Amino acid sequence: MNKHLIAAIAVAVPALAQATNGMLMEGYGPVATGMGGTSLALDNGTAAAANNPATLGLMGDGARLDVAAGLLGPHVSSRVGGMVADSSGTSYVMPAIGYARRHGDLVFGLAVFAQGGMGTDYGADSFLAMGSGSPVRSELGVGRVMLPLAFTAAPDLVVGGSIDYVWSTLDLRMAASGAQLGGMVTGAGGNLAAALPALGGASWARLDFSDDNKFSGAARSSGLAGKLGLLYRVDPTLSVGAAFHTKTHLRDMRTSERGAQLSAQGGFSDTGRMVIEDFQMPAQLGVGLSWQATPALQLAADLKRIYWSDVMSSFKMRYESAGMGGNVSFALPQQWNDQTVTNLGAAWRVSDALVLRGGMNLSTNPVPAAYVNPLFPAIVKRHYTAGFGVATSAAGELNTSVAYAPTVTVLSGSGVEIRHRQLNLQLMYSHRF
């Protein structure tokens, strides 16, 4: 595969993936997403690298290239009293690419996918800007370069795994009253610590770090993670799959030395570095099955557990002043709950050239209402999905999916009503060699 193409995709993929199952996507690849996100026991192409690497063992002889793009359409609004703030972040394009090759009982490959994220974008005139005259926004993106491997260990058993290079980027432009910001402080030192008490009475105070680029963030990090999976064919019509995704091991996200700003009403302004401490993506465990009920009808179901409580108890940041000197640490309580996700899907083969798909993704909301924040509204609970696949040639295939998430409304602990709905699309072209 052309190394320049891989590099271009790797740069583009970190674009924000709006919160769906928490900070994870409702499905990876249009084959799985069209069937409600089911993926653990069925052939879903190189998206297997993001789902269950063992399902690569279902691939035929030769090689396969998948080139995909997703369009995420979140609609988020926040309101209090008669004031309404609509997020302008309503459309995000996310590319992905995967390649796999079979060599006897072994299938290996390379895939680059956006894993997830969350964020919003409110105007400078919204009530969330607190009169500061500047926009309020967040944009978290997490992407992976994955090296999957699947091995047919016995005629009916495939084992698989992947080593993942993970990177994360974050922009944050946040406004609060001086008192609210002071309530987030967990420690301070140096000249900056001495200046903080004077900011407590400010009508607004801000933390800002942003590169205003849809494909990157001012704060960045990278690290490693991995997956293990298996697929067992009970009989020619029934397969069972399971996968475990490890928690990520990312370094602290950091801006440049002067990539962040701390400011407040009254003319206070300081530049420095922002460090997001120990931000990780969670471990998850899933089991699934796929049943070829008739030659034309395939049914599938997955059950997943996502361990958010281990990684989202608190969102911790440390601001290191490059101007007056000193530092201050902040913590935003999160207290996320572990999340159970049920995926249900069906595929109907109309002809040799056409497959129709449909499904549901049903989950709990992992974010306690007391801690949900208008900047991080990861509250969606259900997706209804549909899609189709059509052969374009003897070697080519086009797959697409659409996912609709109905509006979820939550009243936060601060009295802000947050509403979130989505309409997401995915499109993928596959070519076999």
Protein backbone atom coordinates (compact mmCIF):
# COMPACT_ATOMS: atom_id res chain seq x y z
CA MET A 1 0.00 0.00 0.00
CA ASN A 2 1.31 3.47 -0.87
CA LYS A 3 3.04 4.91 2.21
CA HIS A 4 1.96 8.45 1.35
CA LEU A 5 -1.71 7.37 1.29
CA ILE A 6 -1.32 5.76 4.73
CA ALA A 7 0.26 8.93 6.10
CA ALA A 8 -2.54 11.10 4.71
CA ILE A 9 -5.24 8.90 6.23
CA ALA A 10 -3.43 8.81 9.59
CA VAL A 11 -3.40 12.61 9.70
CA ALA A 12 -7.08 12.89 8.77
CA VAL A 13 -8.63 10.17 10.94
CA PRO A 14 -8.34 11.91 14.36
CA ALA A 15 -11.25 14.18 13.41
CA LEU A 16 -13.84 14.18 16.15
CA ALA A 17 -16.13 11.21 16.37
CA GLN A 18 -19.13 12.50 18.29
CA ALA A 19 -20.09 10.56 21.37
CA THR A 20 -22.34 7.56 20.64
CA ASN A 21 -21.73 4.58 22.97
CA GLY A 22 -20.10 6.94 25.43
CA MET A 23 -17.02 8.06 23.48
CA LEU A 24 -17.05 5.02 21.16
CA MET A 25 -18.76 4.63 17.81
CA GLU A 26 -22.06 2.78 17.46
CA GLY A 27 -20.33 0.63 14.84
CA TYR A 28 -17.10 0.39 12.88
CA GLY A 29 -17.50 -0.09 9.14
CA PRO A 30 -20.83 0.07 7.25
CA VAL A 31 -21.34 -3.71 7.18
CA ALA A 32 -21.39 -3.91 10.99
CA THR A 33 -23.10 -0.55 11.47
CA GLY A 34 -25.87 -1.40 9.02
CA MET A 35 -26.60 -4.43 11.21
CA GLY A 36 -26.87 -2.45 14.44
CA GLY A 37 -23.12 -2.61 15.14
CA THR A 38 -22.99 -6.42 15.28
CA SER A 39 -19.48 -7.57 14.38
CA LEU A 40 -18.11 -10.18 16.77
CA ALA A 41 -19.16 -13.32 14.86
CA LEU A 42 -19.58 -12.23 11.23
CA ASP A 43 -17.47 -11.14 8.28
CA ASN A 44 -17.31 -7.33 8.28
CA GLY A 45 -14.14 -6.78 6.26
CA THR A 46 -11.05 -5.10 7.63
CA ALA A 47 -13.22 -3.31 10.22
CA ALA A 48 -12.55 -6.58 12.07
CA ALA A 49 -9.37 -4.89 13.27
CA ALA A 50 -11.53 -2.46 15.26
CA ASN A 51 -14.10 -5.08 16.31
CA ASN A 52 -12.92 -8.71 16.57
CA PRO A 53 -9.66 -9.50 14.72
CA ALA A 54 -10.56 -13.21 14.62
CA THR A 55 -13.34 -12.54 12.07
CA LEU A 56 -10.63 -11.80 9.50
CA GLY A 57 -10.41 -15.59 9.35
CA LEU A 58 -13.71 -15.55 7.43
CA MET A 59 -12.01 -13.77 4.53
CA GLY A 60 -11.49 -15.66 1.29
CA ASP A 61 -8.22 -16.25 -0.52
CA GLY A 62 -6.09 -13.37 -1.75
CA ALA A 63 -6.18 -9.81 -0.44
CA ARG A 64 -8.75 -7.13 0.33
CA LEU A 65 -8.61 -3.32 0.42
CA ASP A 66 -11.34 -1.26 2.12
CA VAL A 67 -11.52 2.52 1.73
CA ALA A 68 -14.22 4.21 3.80
CA ALA A 69 -15.59 7.56 4.90
CA GLY A 70 -18.06 8.43 7.60
CA LEU A 71 -20.22 11.52 8.01
CA LEU A 72 -21.26 12.16 11.61
CA GLY A 73 -24.23 14.44 12.13
CA PRO A 74 -24.74 15.27 15.83
CA HIS A 75 -27.30 17.86 16.91
CA VAL A 76 -26.70 19.13 20.44
CA SER A 77 -28.44 21.97 22.25
CA SER A 78 -28.21 23.31 25.79
CA ARG A 79 -30.79 25.48 27.50
CA VAL A 80 -31.49 27.09 30.84
CA GLY A 81 -34.47 29.31 31.54
CA GLY A 82 -35.36 30.96 28.23
CA MET A 83 -31.80 30.83 26.90
CA VAL A 84 -30.90 28.26 24.23
CA ALA A 85 -27.44 27.45 22.84
CA ASP A 86 -27.21 25.24 19.75
CA SER A 87 -23.90 23.58 18.95
CA SER A 88 -22.71 24.42 15.43
CA GLY A 89 -20.66 21.20 15.30
CA THR A 90 -23.14 19.25 13.16
CA SER A 91 -21.02 17.60 10.46
CA TYR A 92 -17.72 15.72 10.73
CA VAL A 93 -16.08 13.70 7.96
CA MET A 94 -13.98 10.70 9.05
CA PRO A 95 -11.97 8.57 6.61
CA ALA A 96 -10.68 5.05 7.28
CA ILE A 97 -8.67 2.45 5.39
CA GLY A 98 -7.88 -1.23 5.83
CA TYR A 99 -5.89 -3.91 4.02
CA ALA A 100 -5.71 -7.64 4.71
CA ARG A 101 -4.12 -10.65 2.98
CA ARG A 102 -4.56 -14.39 3.46
CA HIS A 103 -1.56 -16.72 3.45
CA GLY A 104 -2.80 -20.24 4.13
CA ASP A 105 -4.33 -20.36 7.61
CA LEU A 106 -2.98 -16.90 8.42
CA VAL A 107 -4.60 -13.54 7.68
CA PHE A 108 -2.69 -10.33 8.44
CA GLY A 109 -3.14 -6.67 7.61
CA LEU A 110 -3.13 -2.99 8.48
CA ALA A 111 -6.05 -0.69 9.33
CA VAL A 112 -6.46 2.95 10.33
CA PHE A 113 -9.71 3.93 12.03
CA ALA A 114 -11.07 6.72 14.18
CA GLN A 115 -12.07 5.07 17.45
CA GLY A 116 -14.23 7.77 18.98
CA GLY A 117 -14.41 11.07 20.80
CA MET A 118 -16.87 13.77 21.74
CA GLY A 119 -17.37 17.50 21.51
CA THR A 120 -19.50 20.58 20.82
CA ASP A 121 -19.12 24.12 19.45
CA TYR A 122 -21.13 27.00 20.95
CA GLY A 123 -21.06 30.61 19.79
CA ALA A 124 -19.45 33.56 21.56
CA ASP A 125 -22.92 35.04 22.12
CA SER A 126 -24.32 31.93 23.85
CA PHE A 127 -25.04 31.85 27.57
CA LEU A 128 -22.31 29.20 27.93
CA ALA A 129 -19.71 31.84 26.98
CA MET A 130 -20.57 33.65 30.26
CA GLY A 131 -20.20 37.07 28.61
CA SER A 132 -16.54 36.46 27.76
CA GLY A 133 -17.08 37.29 24.08
CA SER A 134 -15.32 34.13 22.85
CA PRO A 135 -16.69 30.77 21.61
CA VAL A 136 -16.97 27.74 23.85
CA ARG A 137 -16.04 24.40 22.32
CA SER A 138 -14.50 20.98 22.83
CA GLU A 139 -13.17 18.48 20.33
CA LEU A 140 -11.72 15.15 21.39
CA GLY A 141 -10.56 12.66 18.76
CA VAL A 142 -9.03 9.22 19.23
CA GLY A 143 -7.59 7.19 16.35
CA ARG A 144 -5.80 3.90 15.89
CA VAL A 145 -3.34 2.29 13.51
CA MET A 146 -3.94 -1.44 13.96
CA LEU A 147 -1.92 -4.49 12.97
CA PRO A 148 -4.40 -7.42 13.10
CA LEU A 149 -3.60 -11.11 12.80
CA ALA A 150 -6.00 -14.07 12.56
CA PHE A 151 -5.02 -17.75 12.60
CA THR A 152 -7.22 -20.75 11.84
CA ALA A 153 -6.10 -23.00 14.68
CA ALA A 154 -8.59 -25.78 13.87
CA PRO A 155 -11.17 -26.29 11.11
CA ASP A 156 -13.86 -24.56 13.20
CA LEU A 157 -11.74 -22.25 15.38
CA VAL A 158 -10.04 -18.94 14.55
CA VAL A 159 -8.01 -16.96 17.06
CA GLY A 160 -6.91 -13.38 16.47
CA GLY A 161 -5.40 -10.29 17.94
CA SER A 162 -4.04 -6.88 17.12
CA ILE A 163 -1.42 -4.46 18.31
CA ASP A 164 -2.74 -0.90 18.16
CA TYR A 165 -0.91 2.40 18.01
CA VAL A 166 -3.34 4.90 19.55
CA TRP A 167 -3.29 8.67 19.45
CA SER A 168 -5.54 11.30 20.97
CA THR A 169 -6.02 15.02 20.38
CA LEU A 170 -8.06 17.58 22.29
CA ASP A 171 -9.21 21.18 21.93
CA LEU A 172 -10.99 22.89 24.81
CA ARG A 173 -12.34 26.42 25.12
CA MET A 174 -14.25 26.60 28.39
CA ALA A 175 -15.88 29.49 30.26
CA ALA A 176 -17.08 29.57 33.87
CA SER A 177 -17.52 32.11 36.62
CA GLY A 178 -14.44 32.80 38.68
CA ALA A 179 -16.06 30.98 41.60
CA GLN A 180 -16.91 27.95 39.44
CA LEU A 181 -13.37 27.75 38.11
CA GLY A 182 -12.03 28.05 41.65
CA GLY A 183 -14.21 25.11 42.64
CA MET A 184 -12.35 22.94 40.11
CA VAL A 185 -8.92 23.77 41.53
CA THR A 186 -7.24 20.87 43.33
CA GLY A 187 -3.80 22.42 43.84
CA ALA A 188 -1.60 25.37 42.85
CA GLY A 189 1.92 26.70 43.30
CA GLY A 190 4.19 29.62 42.48
CA ASN A 191 3.16 33.12 41.41
CA LEU A 192 0.04 31.79 39.71
CA ALA A 193 -1.22 30.37 43.00
CA ALA A 194 -0.91 33.80 44.60
CA ALA A 195 -3.01 35.36 41.82
CA LEU A 196 -5.89 32.86 41.95
CA PRO A 197 -7.84 34.32 44.93
CA ALA A 198 -8.30 37.60 43.04
CA LEU A 199 -9.98 35.72 40.19
CA GLY A 200 -12.66 34.21 42.44
CA GLY A 201 -14.95 37.23 42.07
CA ALA A 202 -14.62 37.51 38.27
CA SER A 203 -17.89 37.24 36.35
CA TRP A 204 -16.11 34.91 33.92
CA ALA A 205 -12.87 33.00 33.68
CA ARG A 206 -11.60 30.86 30.80
CA LEU A 207 -9.35 27.94 29.95
CA ASP A 208 -8.45 27.88 26.26
CA PHE A 209 -6.33 25.60 24.11
CA SER A 210 -7.34 25.02 20.52
CA ASP A 211 -5.76 24.88 17.08
CA ASP A 212 -9.17 25.42 15.39
CA ASN A 213 -8.46 22.50 13.03
CA LYS A 214 -11.09 19.78 12.47
CA PHE A 215 -8.36 17.17 11.97
CA SER A 216 -6.15 17.75 15.01
CA GLY A 217 -6.06 19.25 18.49
CA ALA A 218 -3.80 21.57 20.45
CA ALA A 219 -3.17 18.89 23.08
CA ARG A 220 -1.85 15.55 21.84
CA SER A 221 -0.74 12.15 23.04
CA SER A 222 -0.04 8.64 21.81
CA GLY A 223 0.44 5.14 23.19
CA LEU A 224 -0.46 1.49 22.74
CA ALA A 225 -3.37 -0.91 23.21
CA GLY A 226 -4.36 -4.35 21.98
CA LYS A 227 -7.18 -6.79 21.27
CA LEU A 228 -7.72 -10.53 21.54
CA GLY A 229 -10.52 -12.41 19.80
CA LEU A 230 -11.83 -15.80 18.81
CA LEU A 231 -14.42 -17.20 16.43
CA TYR A 232 -15.92 -20.68 16.67
CA ARG A 233 -18.17 -22.29 14.08
CA VAL A 234 -20.68 -24.40 16.02
CA ASP A 235 -22.05 -25.74 12.74
CA PRO A 236 -22.21 -24.48 9.13
CA THR A 237 -24.99 -22.02 10.01
CA LEU A 238 -24.00 -20.81 13.51
CA SER A 239 -20.86 -18.96 14.64
CA VAL A 240 -19.94 -17.59 18.06
CA GLY A 241 -17.36 -14.85 18.63
CA ALA A 242 -15.75 -13.02 21.53
CA ALA A 243 -13.31 -10.15 21.84
CA PHE A 244 -11.46 -8.29 24.58
CA HIS A 245 -10.08 -4.79 24.02
CA THR A 246 -7.47 -3.66 26.51
CA LYS A 247 -7.48 -0.27 28.17
CA THR A 248 -5.21 2.14 26.33
CA HIS A 249 -1.81 3.17 27.68
CA LEU A 250 -1.50 6.79 26.54
CA ARG A 251 0.94 9.37 27.80
CA ASP A 252 -0.47 12.60 29.24
CA MET A 253 -1.83 14.88 26.51
CA ARG A 254 0.12 18.14 26.25
CA THR A 255 -0.05 21.41 24.37
CA SER A 256 3.03 23.35 23.34
CA GLU A 257 4.78 25.46 25.99
CA ARG A 258 2.57 28.48 25.17
CA GLY A 259 -0.33 26.62 23.57
CA ALA A 260 -2.87 27.34 26.33
CA GLN A 261 -4.32 30.44 27.97
CA LEU A 262 -5.83 31.18 31.37
CA SER A 263 -7.84 34.41 31.42
CA ALA A 264 -10.53 36.20 33.41
CA GLN A 265 -12.78 39.25 33.36
CA GLY A 266 -10.87 42.37 34.39
CA GLY A 267 -7.91 41.96 32.05
CA PHE A 268 -6.13 38.94 33.56
CA SER A 269 -4.42 36.81 30.89
CA ASP A 270 -1.57 34.30 31.03
CA THR A 271 -0.16 31.80 28.54
CA GLY A 272 1.33 28.41 29.28
CA ARG A 273 1.10 24.67 28.74
CA MET A 274 -1.94 22.51 29.48
CA VAL A 275 -1.43 18.88 30.49
CA ILE A 276 -4.38 16.45 30.50
CA GLU A 277 -3.41 13.82 33.00
CA ASP A 278 -3.89 10.08 32.39
CA PHE A 279 -6.68 10.28 29.81
CA GLN A 280 -7.39 6.74 28.58
CA MET A 281 -9.93 4.81 26.53
CA PRO A 282 -11.61 1.94 28.39
CA ALA A 283 -11.29 -1.82 28.22
CA GLN A 284 -14.27 -3.65 26.76
CA LEU A 285 -15.45 -7.24 26.58
CA GLY A 286 -17.97 -8.63 24.14
CA VAL A 287 -19.57 -11.87 22.97
CA GLY A 288 -21.69 -12.38 19.87
CA LEU A 289 -23.29 -14.86 17.53
CA SER A 290 -24.24 -15.04 13.88
CA TRP A 291 -26.92 -17.41 12.54
CA GLN A 292 -27.55 -18.13 8.88
CA ALA A 293 -31.26 -18.77 9.42
CA THR A 294 -31.91 -19.39 5.71
CA PRO A 295 -29.67 -19.16 2.64
CA ALA A 296 -30.86 -15.56 2.27
CA LEU A 297 -31.30 -14.41 5.91
CA GLN A 298 -28.50 -13.81 8.42
CA LEU A 299 -29.26 -12.81 12.03
CA ALA A 300 -26.69 -11.52 14.52
CA ALA A 301 -26.48 -10.32 18.11
CA ASP A 302 -23.64 -8.95 20.28
CA LEU A 303 -23.49 -8.09 23.97
CA LYS A 304 -20.70 -5.77 25.15
CA ARG A 305 -19.56 -4.33 28.44
CA ILE A 306 -17.53 -1.09 28.36
CA TYR A 307 -15.58 -0.29 31.52
CA TRP A 308 -15.88 3.50 31.68
CA SER A 309 -15.68 3.66 35.48
CA ASP A 310 -12.00 2.73 35.31
CA VAL A 311 -11.03 5.68 33.10
CA MET A 312 -13.69 8.40 33.56
CA SER A 313 -13.96 9.03 37.28
CA SER A 314 -12.45 12.51 36.85
CA PHE A 315 -11.10 14.67 34.04
CA LYS A 316 -7.82 16.12 35.33
CA MET A 317 -5.81 19.00 33.86
CA ARG A 318 -2.68 20.88 34.94
CA TYR A 319 -1.90 24.39 33.67
CA GLU A 320 1.80 25.33 33.74
CA SER A 321 2.34 29.07 33.40
CA ALA A 322 5.01 30.27 30.99
CA GLY A 323 4.27 33.92 31.84
CA MET A 324 4.06 34.63 35.56
CA GLY A 325 5.31 31.18 36.59
CA GLY A 326 3.70 28.52 38.74
CA ASN A 327 0.96 26.02 38.03
CA VAL A 328 -2.60 25.11 38.91
CA SER A 329 -4.39 21.75 38.74
CA PHE A 330 -8.06 21.28 37.91
CA ALA A 331 -10.43 18.33 38.14
CA LEU A 332 -13.88 17.98 36.57
CA PRO A 333 -15.75 15.13 38.28
CA GLN A 334 -17.19 12.61 35.80
CA GLN A 335 -18.04 9.41 37.72
CA TRP A 336 -19.08 7.56 34.55
CA ASN A 337 -20.76 4.19 34.96
CA ASP A 338 -19.81 1.04 33.10
CA GLN A 339 -21.98 0.64 30.01
CA THR A 340 -23.83 -2.36 28.59
CA VAL A 341 -24.42 -2.33 24.82
CA THR A 342 -26.73 -4.72 22.96
CA ASN A 343 -26.37 -4.95 19.18
CA LEU A 344 -29.04 -6.69 17.07
CA GLY A 345 -28.88 -7.04 13.30
CA ALA A 346 -30.14 -8.80 10.19
CA ALA A 347 -28.99 -9.09 6.59
CA TRP A 348 -31.19 -10.18 3.68
CA ARG A 349 -29.50 -11.30 0.45
CA VAL A 350 -31.86 -10.16 -2.27
CA SER A 351 -29.60 -11.45 -5.06
CA ASP A 352 -25.99 -12.33 -5.72
CA ALA A 353 -25.32 -8.60 -6.16
CA LEU A 354 -27.46 -7.00 -3.42
CA VAL A 355 -27.69 -7.32 0.39
CA LEU A 356 -30.05 -5.28 2.59
CA ARG A 357 -29.26 -4.72 6.29
CA GLY A 358 -30.98 -3.40 9.40
CA GLY A 359 -30.48 -3.36 13.15
CA MET A 360 -30.49 -1.65 16.52
CA ASN A 361 -27.80 -0.53 18.97
CA LEU A 362 -29.22 -0.29 22.49
CA SER A 363 -27.15 1.02 25.39
CA THR A 364 -27.31 2.66 28.78
CA ASN A 365 -26.20 6.27 29.30
CA PRO A 366 -22.85 6.07 31.15
CA VAL A 367 -22.83 9.71 32.30
CA PRO A 368 -24.59 10.51 35.61
CA ALA A 369 -26.93 13.47 35.18
CA ALA A 370 -25.25 15.27 38.09
CA TYR A 371 -21.96 15.44 36.17
CA VAL A 372 -22.95 15.75 32.51
CA ASN A 373 -21.40 18.83 30.90
CA PRO A 374 -22.67 20.73 27.82
CA LEU A 375 -19.15 20.42 26.39
CA PHE A 376 -19.13 16.60 26.70
CA PRO A 377 -22.72 15.37 26.08
CA ALA A 378 -22.02 11.64 25.74
CA ILE A 379 -25.62 10.73 26.57
CA VAL A 380 -26.99 8.95 23.45
CA LYS A 381 -28.62 5.61 24.26
CA ARG A 382 -30.18 4.09 21.09
CA HIS A 383 -29.35 3.85 17.40
CA TYR A 384 -31.56 2.46 14.64
CA THR A 385 -29.53 1.46 11.60
CA ALA A 386 -29.97 0.35 8.00
CA GLY A 387 -27.74 -0.19 5.01
CA PHE A 388 -27.01 -2.17 1.90
CA GLY A 389 -24.16 -3.76 -0.02
CA VAL A 390 -23.98 -3.98 -3.81
CA ALA A 391 -21.43 -5.70 -6.03
CA THR A 392 -19.98 -3.24 -8.53
CA SER A 393 -17.86 -5.82 -10.36
CA ALA A 394 -16.49 -9.32 -9.89
CA ALA A 395 -13.89 -7.87 -7.49
CA GLY A 396 -15.53 -4.67 -6.22
CA GLU A 397 -18.27 -3.98 -3.68
CA LEU A 398 -19.90 -0.86 -2.25
CA ASN A 399 -21.40 -0.86 1.26
CA THR A 400 -23.22 1.93 3.04
CA SER A 401 -25.07 2.46 6.31
CA VAL A 402 -27.17 5.08 8.07
CA ALA A 403 -27.68 5.31 11.85
CA TYR A 404 -30.29 7.46 13.55
CA ALA A 405 -30.09 8.19 17.29
CA PRO A 406 -33.29 9.75 18.73
CA THR A 407 -33.07 12.73 21.03
CA VAL A 408 -31.93 12.10 24.59
CA THR A 409 -32.58 14.86 27.13
CA VAL A 410 -30.71 15.18 30.43
CA LEU A 411 -30.92 17.84 33.14
CA SER A 412 -27.41 18.42 34.48
CA GLY A 413 -26.49 19.03 38.09
CA SER A 414 -25.95 22.69 37.26
CA GLY A 415 -29.50 23.03 35.94
CA VAL A 416 -28.69 23.02 32.21
CA GLU A 417 -30.97 20.91 30.01
CA ILE A 418 -28.91 19.11 27.34
CA ARG A 419 -30.41 17.50 24.23
CA HIS A 420 -28.51 15.26 21.81
CA ARG A 421 -29.57 13.40 18.65
CA GLN A 422 -27.60 12.07 15.66
CA LEU A 423 -27.82 11.06 12.01
CA ASN A 424 -24.64 9.27 10.86
CA LEU A 425 -23.61 7.84 7.48
CA GLN A 426 -20.84 5.48 6.39
CA LEU A 427 -19.68 4.52 2.91
CA MET A 428 -17.04 1.94 1.98
CA TYR A 429 -15.61 0.60 -1.28
CA SER A 430 -13.95 -2.82 -1.14
CA HIS A 431 -11.71 -4.42 -3.73
CA ARG A 432 -10.46 -8.00 -3.69
CA PHE A 433 -7.23 -9.06 -5.36
